[in-house]
C-alpha atoms as a PDB file:
ATOM      1  CA  MET A   1      -9.243  24.215  70.871  1.00  0.00           C
ATOM      2  CA  ALA A   2      -8.696  24.808  74.558  1.00  0.00           C
ATOM      3  CA  LYS A   3      -5.647  22.584  74.997  1.00  0.00           C
ATOM      4  CA  SER A   4      -2.662  22.288  72.735  1.00  0.00           C
ATOM      5  CA  ILE A   5      -2.308  18.991  70.928  1.00  0.00           C
ATOM      6  CA  ARG A   6       0.418  16.846  72.493  1.00  0.00           C
ATOM      7  CA  ALA A   7       0.466  14.232  69.747  1.00  0.00           C
ATOM      8  CA  THR A   8       3.662  13.992  67.733  1.00  0.00           C
ATOM      9  CA  ASP A   9       2.334  11.776  64.920  1.00  0.00           C
ATOM     10  CA  PRO A  10       1.401  14.173  62.088  1.00  0.00           C
ATOM     11  CA  ARG A  11      -1.548  12.018  60.970  1.00  0.00           C
ATOM     12  CA  ARG A  12      -2.944  11.872  64.516  1.00  0.00           C
ATOM     13  CA  LYS A  13      -2.489  15.633  64.943  1.00  0.00           C
ATOM     14  CA  ARG A  14      -4.247  16.410  61.665  1.00  0.00           C
ATOM     15  CA  LEU A  15      -7.125  14.056  62.516  1.00  0.00           C
ATOM     16  CA  ILE A  16      -7.592  15.581  65.989  1.00  0.00           C
ATOM     17  CA  ARG A  17      -7.787  19.087  64.494  1.00  0.00           C
ATOM     18  CA  THR A  18     -10.208  18.003  61.773  1.00  0.00           C
ATOM     19  CA  LEU A  19     -12.513  16.225  64.226  1.00  0.00           C
ATOM     20  CA  TYR A  20     -12.501  19.135  66.638  1.00  0.00           C
ATOM     21  CA  LYS A  21     -13.365  21.672  63.930  1.00  0.00           C
ATOM     22  CA  THR A  22     -16.563  19.839  62.941  1.00  0.00           C
ATOM     23  CA  LYS A  23     -18.403  21.367  65.929  1.00  0.00           C
ATOM     24  CA  ARG A  24     -20.333  18.100  66.374  1.00  0.00           C
ATOM     25  CA  ARG A  25     -20.316  16.752  69.919  1.00  0.00           C
ATOM     26  CA  PHE A  26     -19.715  13.171  68.776  1.00  0.00           C
ATOM     27  CA  TRP A  27     -16.629  13.998  66.690  1.00  0.00           C
ATOM     28  CA  ARG A  28     -15.239  16.258  69.429  1.00  0.00           C
ATOM     29  CA  ALA A  29     -15.524  13.355  71.881  1.00  0.00           C
ATOM     30  CA  VAL A  30     -13.567  11.161  69.447  1.00  0.00           C
ATOM     31  CA  SER A  31     -10.878  13.860  69.202  1.00  0.00           C
ATOM     32  CA  GLU A  32     -10.583  13.836  73.016  1.00  0.00           C
ATOM     33  CA  PHE A  33      -9.941  10.064  72.987  1.00  0.00           C
ATOM     34  CA  LEU A  34      -7.269  10.503  70.306  1.00  0.00           C
ATOM     35  CA  GLN A  35      -5.475  13.141  72.413  1.00  0.00           C
ATOM     36  CA  LYS A  36      -4.880  10.799  75.346  1.00  0.00           C
ATOM     37  CA  ALA A  37      -1.360   9.952  76.425  1.00  0.00           C
ATOM     38  CA  ARG A  38       0.204   6.918  74.775  1.00  0.00           C
ATOM     39  CA  SER A  39      -0.193   4.809  77.919  1.00  0.00           C
ATOM     40  CA  SER A  40      -3.937   5.586  78.028  1.00  0.00           C
ATOM     41  CA  ARG A  41      -4.768   5.056  74.362  1.00  0.00           C
ATOM     42  CA  VAL A  42      -7.625   2.802  73.391  1.00  0.00           C
ATOM     43  CA  THR A  43      -7.010  -0.761  72.176  1.00  0.00           C
ATOM     44  CA  VAL A  44      -9.999  -2.985  71.448  1.00  0.00           C
ATOM     45  CA  ASN A  45     -10.067  -6.656  70.499  1.00  0.00           C
ATOM     46  CA  ILE A  46     -12.303  -8.144  67.789  1.00  0.00           C
ATOM     47  CA  GLY A  47     -14.025 -10.251  70.473  1.00  0.00           C
ATOM     48  CA  LYS A  48     -15.207  -7.144  72.323  1.00  0.00           C
ATOM     49  CA  ILE A  49     -16.463  -5.601  69.086  1.00  0.00           C
ATOM     50  CA  ASN A  50     -18.406  -8.812  68.399  1.00  0.00           C
ATOM     51  CA  VAL A  51     -20.101  -8.667  71.817  1.00  0.00           C
ATOM     52  CA  PHE A  52     -21.194  -5.033  71.512  1.00  0.00           C
ATOM     53  CA  SER A  53     -22.253  -5.033  67.855  1.00  0.00           C
ATOM     54  CA  GLU A  54     -25.005  -6.425  65.690  1.00  0.00           C
ATOM     55  CA  GLU A  55     -25.091  -7.238  62.003  1.00  0.00           C
ATOM     56  CA  ASN A  56     -24.442  -4.248  59.701  1.00  0.00           C
ATOM     57  CA  ASP A  57     -23.544  -1.883  62.584  1.00  0.00           C
ATOM     58  CA  THR A  58     -20.971   0.852  62.207  1.00  0.00           C
ATOM     59  CA  ILE A  59     -18.377   0.730  64.989  1.00  0.00           C
ATOM     60  CA  LEU A  60     -15.798   3.411  65.746  1.00  0.00           C
ATOM     61  CA  VAL A  61     -12.675   2.659  67.789  1.00  0.00           C
ATOM     62  CA  PRO A  62     -10.629   5.793  68.598  1.00  0.00           C
ATOM     63  CA  GLY A  63      -7.430   3.768  68.778  1.00  0.00           C
ATOM     64  CA  LYS A  64      -6.162   0.396  67.590  1.00  0.00           C
ATOM     65  CA  VAL A  65      -8.146  -2.753  66.777  1.00  0.00           C
ATOM     66  CA  LEU A  66      -6.396  -6.011  67.744  1.00  0.00           C
ATOM     67  CA  SER A  67      -7.188  -9.539  66.570  1.00  0.00           C
ATOM     68  CA  SER A  68      -8.040 -11.468  69.732  1.00  0.00           C
ATOM     69  CA  GLY A  69     -11.423 -13.158  69.398  1.00  0.00           C
ATOM     70  CA  ASP A  70     -13.731 -13.806  66.472  1.00  0.00           C
ATOM     71  CA  LEU A  71     -16.283 -11.772  64.560  1.00  0.00           C
ATOM     72  CA  ALA A  72     -19.552 -13.567  63.803  1.00  0.00           C
ATOM     73  CA  HIS A  73     -21.334 -10.991  61.613  1.00  0.00           C
ATOM     74  CA  PRO A  74     -20.536  -8.360  58.969  1.00  0.00           C
ATOM     75  CA  ILE A  75     -19.948  -4.842  60.310  1.00  0.00           C
ATOM     76  CA  THR A  76     -18.107  -1.693  59.333  1.00  0.00           C
ATOM     77  CA  VAL A  77     -15.253  -0.851  61.679  1.00  0.00           C
ATOM     78  CA  ALA A  78     -13.541   2.537  61.649  1.00  0.00           C
ATOM     79  CA  ALA A  79     -10.361   2.938  63.678  1.00  0.00           C
ATOM     80  CA  PHE A  80      -7.144   4.920  63.820  1.00  0.00           C
ATOM     81  CA  SER A  81      -5.112   1.744  63.201  1.00  0.00           C
ATOM     82  CA  TYR A  82      -5.493  -2.029  62.902  1.00  0.00           C
ATOM     83  CA  SER A  83      -3.361  -5.102  63.285  1.00  0.00           C
ATOM     84  CA  LYS A  84      -3.067  -7.110  60.048  1.00  0.00           C
ATOM     85  CA  LYS A  85      -4.863 -10.091  61.597  1.00  0.00           C
ATOM     86  CA  ALA A  86      -7.746  -7.849  62.741  1.00  0.00           C
ATOM     87  CA  ILE A  87      -8.266  -6.584  59.186  1.00  0.00           C
ATOM     88  CA  ASN A  88      -8.280 -10.187  57.942  1.00  0.00           C
ATOM     89  CA  LYS A  89     -10.892 -11.235  60.524  1.00  0.00           C
ATOM     90  CA  ILE A  90     -13.163  -8.273  59.740  1.00  0.00           C
ATOM     91  CA  THR A  91     -12.941  -8.978  55.999  1.00  0.00           C
ATOM     92  CA  LYS A  92     -13.463 -12.732  56.507  1.00  0.00           C
ATOM     93  CA  ALA A  93     -16.720 -12.005  58.394  1.00  0.00           C
ATOM     94  CA  GLY A  94     -17.951  -9.946  55.429  1.00  0.00           C
ATOM     95  CA  GLY A  95     -17.243  -6.606  57.063  1.00  0.00           C
ATOM     96  CA  GLU A  96     -15.227  -3.562  56.142  1.00  0.00           C
ATOM     97  CA  SER A  97     -12.340  -1.813  57.897  1.00  0.00           C
ATOM     98  CA  ILE A  98     -12.007   1.909  57.171  1.00  0.00           C
ATOM     99  CA  SER A  99     -10.199   4.899  58.621  1.00  0.00           C
ATOM    100  CA  ILE A 100     -11.841   7.439  60.921  1.00  0.00           C
ATOM    101  CA  GLU A 101     -11.321  10.068  58.206  1.00  0.00           C
ATOM    102  CA  ASP A 102     -13.352   7.989  55.721  1.00  0.00           C
ATOM    103  CA  LEU A 103     -16.136   7.433  58.248  1.00  0.00           C
ATOM    104  CA  MET A 104     -16.315  11.156  58.964  1.00  0.00           C
ATOM    105  CA  LYS A 105     -16.700  11.838  55.225  1.00  0.00           C
ATOM    106  CA  LYS A 106     -19.438   9.182  54.917  1.00  0.00           C
ATOM    107  CA  ASN A 107     -21.281  10.269  58.069  1.00  0.00           C
ATOM    108  CA  PRO A 108     -20.461  13.894  59.001  1.00  0.00           C
ATOM    109  CA  THR A 109     -23.227  14.056  61.607  1.00  0.00           C
ATOM    110  CA  GLY A 110     -21.959  10.996  63.501  1.00  0.00           C
ATOM    111  CA  THR A 111     -25.383   9.364  63.749  1.00  0.00           C
ATOM    112  CA  LYS A 112     -25.930   5.607  64.111  1.00  0.00           C
ATOM    113  CA  ILE A 113     -22.296   4.965  65.028  1.00  0.00           C
ATOM    114  CA  LYS A 114     -21.345   2.911  68.093  1.00  0.00           C
ATOM    115  CA  LEU A 115     -18.241   4.184  69.887  1.00  0.00           C
ATOM    116  CA  ILE A 116     -16.312   1.370  71.592  1.00  0.00           C
ATOM    117  CA  THR A 117     -13.499   2.259  73.978  1.00  0.00           C
END
């Protein structure tokens, strides 16, 4: 890793290291998003996910998913963290909310995943 990890959250630090070590371009890009300064971290609303996804897609958000908007179809969403209302909306639409670690275990190559920032 060229730069030192500035994150202080132990879970975030561990995830960044794990993603970077995979040597896959996709997962390294996700680790770069997770290393951003707190003021630049990614937050995505359910409404934006709905616009950029289709039924049964796998969506990755390298940050936090918030609950503004509605989800009209079932999808799998992987994110570093979620608001409680966002998890409820994803589940209500028939989807699944998982951690980035779980997604990486399910799909180590990173194929057929939409990255939303």
